[in-house]
Protein backbone atom coordinates (compact mmCIF):
# COMPACT_ATOMS: atom_id res chain seq x y z
CA UNK A 1 -7.66 -4.88 10.98
CA UNK A 2 -5.77 -5.20 14.26
CA UNK A 3 -4.60 -1.60 13.99
CA UNK A 4 -8.13 -0.32 13.39
CA UNK A 5 -9.43 -2.33 16.35
CA UNK A 6 -6.59 -1.18 18.64
CA UNK A 7 -7.18 2.46 17.69
CA UNK A 8 -10.96 2.14 17.89
CA UNK A 9 -11.29 3.43 14.33
CA UNK A 10 -13.45 2.29 11.42
CA UNK A 11 -11.39 -0.04 9.17
CA UNK A 12 -12.13 2.05 6.08
CA UNK A 13 -10.23 4.96 7.68
CA UNK A 14 -7.10 2.91 8.47
CA UNK A 15 -4.84 2.13 5.51
CA UNK A 16 -2.08 -0.42 4.92
CA UNK A 17 1.04 -0.15 2.80
CA UNK A 18 1.63 -2.84 0.19
CA UNK A 19 4.44 -3.26 -2.33
CA UNK A 20 3.74 -4.48 -5.82
CA UNK A 21 5.48 -4.73 -9.16
CA UNK A 22 3.78 -3.17 -12.15
CA UNK A 23 5.44 -4.09 -15.42
CA UNK A 24 8.35 -5.25 -13.21
CA UNK A 25 8.78 -1.81 -11.58
CA UNK A 26 8.17 -1.35 -7.82
CA UNK A 27 5.22 0.67 -6.55
CA UNK A 28 3.76 1.42 -3.15
CA UNK A 29 0.01 0.87 -2.85
CA UNK A 30 -1.96 2.29 0.06
CA UNK A 31 -5.38 0.69 0.59
CA UNK A 32 -7.88 0.39 3.47
CA UNK A 33 -7.06 -2.44 5.88
CA UNK A 34 -10.41 -4.10 5.17
CA UNK A 35 -9.68 -4.34 1.42
CA UNK A 36 -7.37 -6.19 -0.91
CA UNK A 37 -5.30 -4.54 -3.60
CA UNK A 38 -6.90 -4.97 -7.00
CA UNK A 39 -3.80 -5.63 -9.09
CA UNK A 40 -5.52 -4.99 -12.42
CA UNK A 41 -6.82 -1.61 -11.26
CA UNK A 42 -3.42 -0.72 -9.78
CA UNK A 43 -1.72 -1.44 -13.11
CA UNK A 44 -4.36 0.52 -15.01
CA UNK A 45 -3.96 3.50 -12.64
CA UNK A 46 -0.35 3.96 -13.78
CA UNK A 47 -0.81 2.90 -17.39
CA UNK A 48 0.70 -0.51 -16.77
CA UNK A 49 -0.26 -3.88 -18.13
CA UNK A 50 0.73 -6.48 -15.54
CA UNK A 51 0.89 -6.27 -11.75
CA UNK A 52 1.86 -8.70 -9.02
CA UNK A 53 2.57 -8.49 -5.32
CA UNK A 54 6.23 -8.07 -4.42
CA UNK A 55 7.89 -10.90 -2.51
CA UNK A 56 8.24 -10.12 1.20
CA UNK A 57 12.04 -10.33 1.29
CA UNK A 58 12.32 -8.04 -1.75
CA UNK A 59 9.93 -5.50 -0.17
CA UNK A 60 11.96 -5.49 3.04
CA UNK A 61 15.26 -4.99 1.21
CA UNK A 62 13.83 -2.24 -0.97
CA UNK A 63 12.14 -0.25 1.79
CA UNK A 64 14.38 -0.90 4.78
CA UNK A 65 11.34 -1.91 6.84
CA UNK A 66 10.17 -5.28 8.14
CA UNK A 67 6.96 -6.69 6.64
CA UNK A 68 3.98 -5.84 8.80
CA UNK A 69 5.52 -2.46 9.55
CA UNK A 70 6.36 -1.03 6.13
CA UNK A 71 5.70 2.68 6.19
CA UNK A 72 4.97 4.68 3.04
CA UNK A 73 7.33 7.33 4.47
CA UNK A 74 11.09 7.27 4.95
CA UNK A 75 11.82 4.30 2.73
CA UNK A 76 15.37 3.74 1.47
CA UNK A 77 14.29 4.82 -2.01
CA UNK A 78 11.40 7.05 -3.08
CA UNK A 79 8.89 4.91 -4.98
CA UNK A 80 5.85 5.88 -7.03
CA UNK A 81 2.78 5.55 -4.81
CA UNK A 82 -0.83 4.67 -5.57
CA UNK A 83 -3.45 5.61 -2.96
CA UNK A 84 -6.96 4.15 -2.92
CA UNK A 85 -9.44 6.85 -3.90
CA UNK A 86 -11.54 6.22 -0.79
CA UNK A 87 -8.96 8.20 1.18
CA UNK A 88 -10.79 11.31 -0.07
CA UNK A 89 -13.82 10.30 1.99
CA UNK A 90 -11.97 11.00 5.24
CA UNK A 91 -10.73 14.23 6.73
CA UNK A 92 -8.00 12.16 8.43
CA UNK A 93 -6.60 8.82 7.35
CA UNK A 94 -4.28 6.56 9.32
CA UNK A 95 -1.50 4.54 7.65
């Protein structure tokens, strides 16, 4: 929310990057900053059964970024990415 406020943008147009494990495999999830990741829907989106948030230290090691500043781009390893469908409502989205 801080990023949306600082940029003077509606929160639904500013997205955050989260790391989760779906069936024990890492995924990037990109959701609006004013929302929480629905783990059940994330798992279902990729045909998985069980999802959980990744531990902060594991996310930092995997991506090469520090929590709070994890970018969906330029990570150490390319990971499958899930993007909230509301991104289609905006001509431009900010991550």
